[in-house]
Amino acid sequence: MARTRGLLGFLIRVFKEILIFTVSYGIFICVGYMVLELPLGKLLHEVVDVIFDIAMTVAPIFLYILPTVIAYSVKHPERDLILAMNIFLGLIPEVWFLLLIWSFSGSGNHRYPNNRFG
């Protein structure tokens, strides 16, 4: 399997680490509740709360950088500009939506159709 490079590869590695942390933290909570002999309903409630809290932390971050991830994955010629605008102006909903549309609009080969220059 080919190794993914760049920003997309970094994000994949981060989400794998978050998933591993979530599962291991859930196991830690389960063991703690088994030691304390608390009811299973309360245990499941705590595990779901932890997973929900982590998801509600990660999901907005992923949505915030989604235009940049798309621009890098399609090799948009202006991906660095999209990254900079996303970081500094991405909290404005209109700008974020325009960046999302712009990131879908580019393909890596339209500037040099024969791909002779790189």
C-alpha atoms as a PDB file:
ATOM      1  CA  MET A   1       0.000   0.000   0.000  1.00  0.00           C
ATOM      2  CA  ALA A   2       1.406   3.362  -1.024  1.00  0.00           C
ATOM      3  CA  ARG A   3       2.130   5.799   1.771  1.00  0.00           C
ATOM      4  CA  THR A   4       0.087   8.986   1.613  1.00  0.00           C
ATOM      5  CA  ARG A   5       2.237  12.101   1.854  1.00  0.00           C
ATOM      6  CA  GLY A   6       1.648  15.708   2.689  1.00  0.00           C
ATOM      7  CA  LEU A   7      -1.219  17.240   4.596  1.00  0.00           C
ATOM      8  CA  LEU A   8      -3.672  14.454   3.798  1.00  0.00           C
ATOM      9  CA  GLY A   9      -1.256  11.817   5.102  1.00  0.00           C
ATOM     10  CA  PHE A  10      -0.677  13.863   8.240  1.00  0.00           C
ATOM     11  CA  LEU A  11      -4.430  14.165   8.853  1.00  0.00           C
ATOM     12  CA  ILE A  12      -4.910  10.435   8.342  1.00  0.00           C
ATOM     13  CA  ARG A  13      -2.185   9.717  10.902  1.00  0.00           C
ATOM     14  CA  VAL A  14      -3.738  12.197  13.371  1.00  0.00           C
ATOM     15  CA  PHE A  15      -7.179  10.628  13.054  1.00  0.00           C
ATOM     16  CA  LYS A  16      -5.692   7.141  13.532  1.00  0.00           C
ATOM     17  CA  GLU A  17      -4.018   8.339  16.728  1.00  0.00           C
ATOM     18  CA  ILE A  18      -7.274   9.898  17.938  1.00  0.00           C
ATOM     19  CA  LEU A  19      -9.110   6.654  17.245  1.00  0.00           C
ATOM     20  CA  ILE A  20      -6.487   4.648  19.139  1.00  0.00           C
ATOM     21  CA  PHE A  21      -6.690   7.114  22.039  1.00  0.00           C
ATOM     22  CA  THR A  22     -10.493   6.912  22.085  1.00  0.00           C
ATOM     23  CA  VAL A  23     -10.523   3.117  22.150  1.00  0.00           C
ATOM     24  CA  SER A  24      -7.793   2.868  24.785  1.00  0.00           C
ATOM     25  CA  TYR A  25      -9.480   5.500  26.940  1.00  0.00           C
ATOM     26  CA  GLY A  26     -12.774   3.609  26.625  1.00  0.00           C
ATOM     27  CA  ILE A  27     -11.029   0.409  27.730  1.00  0.00           C
ATOM     28  CA  PHE A  28      -9.468   2.310  30.647  1.00  0.00           C
ATOM     29  CA  ILE A  29     -12.917   3.494  31.741  1.00  0.00           C
ATOM     30  CA  CYS A  30     -14.340  -0.035  31.414  1.00  0.00           C
ATOM     31  CA  VAL A  31     -11.575  -1.503  33.579  1.00  0.00           C
ATOM     32  CA  GLY A  32     -12.024   1.274  36.114  1.00  0.00           C
ATOM     33  CA  TYR A  33     -15.732   0.603  36.368  1.00  0.00           C
ATOM     34  CA  MET A  34     -15.177  -3.141  36.680  1.00  0.00           C
ATOM     35  CA  VAL A  35     -12.771  -2.520  39.563  1.00  0.00           C
ATOM     36  CA  LEU A  36     -15.237  -0.167  41.241  1.00  0.00           C
ATOM     37  CA  GLU A  37     -18.128  -2.556  40.466  1.00  0.00           C
ATOM     38  CA  LEU A  38     -20.398   0.163  39.132  1.00  0.00           C
ATOM     39  CA  PRO A  39     -23.490  -0.747  37.097  1.00  0.00           C
ATOM     40  CA  LEU A  40     -23.048  -1.459  33.375  1.00  0.00           C
ATOM     41  CA  GLY A  41     -25.542   1.252  32.368  1.00  0.00           C
ATOM     42  CA  LYS A  42     -23.424   3.935  33.984  1.00  0.00           C
ATOM     43  CA  LEU A  43     -20.293   2.468  32.346  1.00  0.00           C
ATOM     44  CA  LEU A  44     -21.831   2.589  28.874  1.00  0.00           C
ATOM     45  CA  HIS A  45     -23.060   6.113  29.513  1.00  0.00           C
ATOM     46  CA  GLU A  46     -19.528   7.251  30.418  1.00  0.00           C
ATOM     47  CA  VAL A  47     -17.957   5.541  27.403  1.00  0.00           C
ATOM     48  CA  VAL A  48     -20.475   7.118  25.040  1.00  0.00           C
ATOM     49  CA  ASP A  49     -19.895  10.518  26.675  1.00  0.00           C
ATOM     50  CA  VAL A  50     -16.138  10.266  26.146  1.00  0.00           C
ATOM     51  CA  ILE A  51     -16.492   9.208  22.506  1.00  0.00           C
ATOM     52  CA  PHE A  52     -19.043  11.979  21.900  1.00  0.00           C
ATOM     53  CA  ASP A  53     -16.783  14.595  23.514  1.00  0.00           C
ATOM     54  CA  ILE A  54     -13.820  13.578  21.370  1.00  0.00           C
ATOM     55  CA  ALA A  55     -15.955  13.508  18.220  1.00  0.00           C
ATOM     56  CA  MET A  56     -17.342  16.965  18.985  1.00  0.00           C
ATOM     57  CA  THR A  57     -13.787  18.230  19.331  1.00  0.00           C
ATOM     58  CA  VAL A  58     -12.405  16.624  16.167  1.00  0.00           C
ATOM     59  CA  ALA A  59     -15.362  17.165  13.814  1.00  0.00           C
ATOM     60  CA  PRO A  60     -15.305  21.004  13.834  1.00  0.00           C
ATOM     61  CA  ILE A  61     -11.532  21.019  13.302  1.00  0.00           C
ATOM     62  CA  PHE A  62     -11.881  18.650  10.345  1.00  0.00           C
ATOM     63  CA  LEU A  63     -14.726  20.719   8.860  1.00  0.00           C
ATOM     64  CA  TYR A  64     -12.699  23.902   9.317  1.00  0.00           C
ATOM     65  CA  ILE A  65      -9.760  22.566   7.279  1.00  0.00           C
ATOM     66  CA  LEU A  66     -11.885  20.632   4.752  1.00  0.00           C
ATOM     67  CA  PRO A  67     -11.272  23.104   1.861  1.00  0.00           C
ATOM     68  CA  THR A  68      -7.522  22.773   2.407  1.00  0.00           C
ATOM     69  CA  VAL A  69      -7.663  18.982   2.546  1.00  0.00           C
ATOM     70  CA  ILE A  70      -9.642  18.884  -0.702  1.00  0.00           C
ATOM     71  CA  ALA A  71      -7.309  21.367  -2.406  1.00  0.00           C
ATOM     72  CA  TYR A  72      -4.240  19.321  -1.474  1.00  0.00           C
ATOM     73  CA  SER A  73      -5.866  16.019  -2.410  1.00  0.00           C
ATOM     74  CA  VAL A  74      -6.818  17.218  -5.933  1.00  0.00           C
ATOM     75  CA  LYS A  75      -3.454  19.042  -6.288  1.00  0.00           C
ATOM     76  CA  HIS A  76      -5.116  22.393  -6.827  1.00  0.00           C
ATOM     77  CA  PRO A  77      -2.615  24.872  -8.317  1.00  0.00           C
ATOM     78  CA  GLU A  78      -3.556  27.494  -5.695  1.00  0.00           C
ATOM     79  CA  ARG A  79      -3.613  25.114  -2.720  1.00  0.00           C
ATOM     80  CA  ASP A  80      -1.168  27.199  -0.676  1.00  0.00           C
ATOM     81  CA  LEU A  81      -3.339  30.278  -1.093  1.00  0.00           C
ATOM     82  CA  ILE A  82      -6.402  28.236  -0.118  1.00  0.00           C
ATOM     83  CA  LEU A  83      -4.525  27.055   2.985  1.00  0.00           C
ATOM     84  CA  ALA A  84      -3.576  30.601   3.989  1.00  0.00           C
ATOM     85  CA  MET A  85      -7.080  31.946   3.393  1.00  0.00           C
ATOM     86  CA  ASN A  86      -8.596  29.014   5.236  1.00  0.00           C
ATOM     87  CA  ILE A  87      -6.410  29.627   8.283  1.00  0.00           C
ATOM     88  CA  PHE A  88      -6.960  33.375   8.463  1.00  0.00           C
ATOM     89  CA  LEU A  89     -10.449  33.847   7.001  1.00  0.00           C
ATOM     90  CA  GLY A  90     -12.041  30.421   7.395  1.00  0.00           C
ATOM     91  CA  LEU A  91     -14.168  31.404  10.370  1.00  0.00           C
ATOM     92  CA  ILE A  92     -16.295  33.631   8.136  1.00  0.00           C
ATOM     93  CA  PRO A  93     -18.984  31.258   6.799  1.00  0.00           C
ATOM     94  CA  GLU A  94     -19.239  32.922   3.380  1.00  0.00           C
ATOM     95  CA  VAL A  95     -15.465  32.788   2.860  1.00  0.00           C
ATOM     96  CA  TRP A  96     -15.309  29.153   4.027  1.00  0.00           C
ATOM     97  CA  PHE A  97     -18.064  28.162   1.594  1.00  0.00           C
ATOM     98  CA  LEU A  98     -16.330  29.973  -1.293  1.00  0.00           C
ATOM     99  CA  LEU A  99     -13.038  28.264  -0.391  1.00  0.00           C
ATOM    100  CA  LEU A 100     -14.829  24.913  -0.434  1.00  0.00           C
ATOM    101  CA  ILE A 101     -16.185  25.582  -3.936  1.00  0.00           C
ATOM    102  CA  TRP A 102     -12.801  26.898  -5.095  1.00  0.00           C
ATOM    103  CA  SER A 103     -10.988  23.831  -3.778  1.00  0.00           C
ATOM    104  CA  PHE A 104     -13.238  21.563  -5.872  1.00  0.00           C
ATOM    105  CA  SER A 105     -12.762  23.675  -9.000  1.00  0.00           C
ATOM    106  CA  GLY A 106      -9.081  23.033  -9.573  1.00  0.00           C
ATOM    107  CA  SER A 107      -7.267  20.118 -11.028  1.00  0.00           C
ATOM    108  CA  GLY A 108      -3.519  19.744 -11.007  1.00  0.00           C
ATOM    109  CA  ASN A 109      -3.075  19.583 -14.775  1.00  0.00           C
ATOM    110  CA  HIS A 110      -4.951  22.590 -16.165  1.00  0.00           C
ATOM    111  CA  ARG A 111      -2.000  24.982 -15.916  1.00  0.00           C
ATOM    112  CA  TYR A 112       0.379  22.733 -17.861  1.00  0.00           C
ATOM    113  CA  PRO A 113      -1.792  20.441 -20.009  1.00  0.00           C
ATOM    114  CA  ASN A 114       1.087  18.209 -21.176  1.00  0.00           C
ATOM    115  CA  ASN A 115       2.622  18.157 -17.695  1.00  0.00           C
ATOM    116  CA  ARG A 116       6.041  18.912 -19.238  1.00  0.00           C
ATOM    117  CA  PHE A 117       7.030  21.421 -16.565  1.00  0.00           C
ATOM    118  CA  GLY A 118       6.603  19.453 -13.422  1.00  0.00           C
END
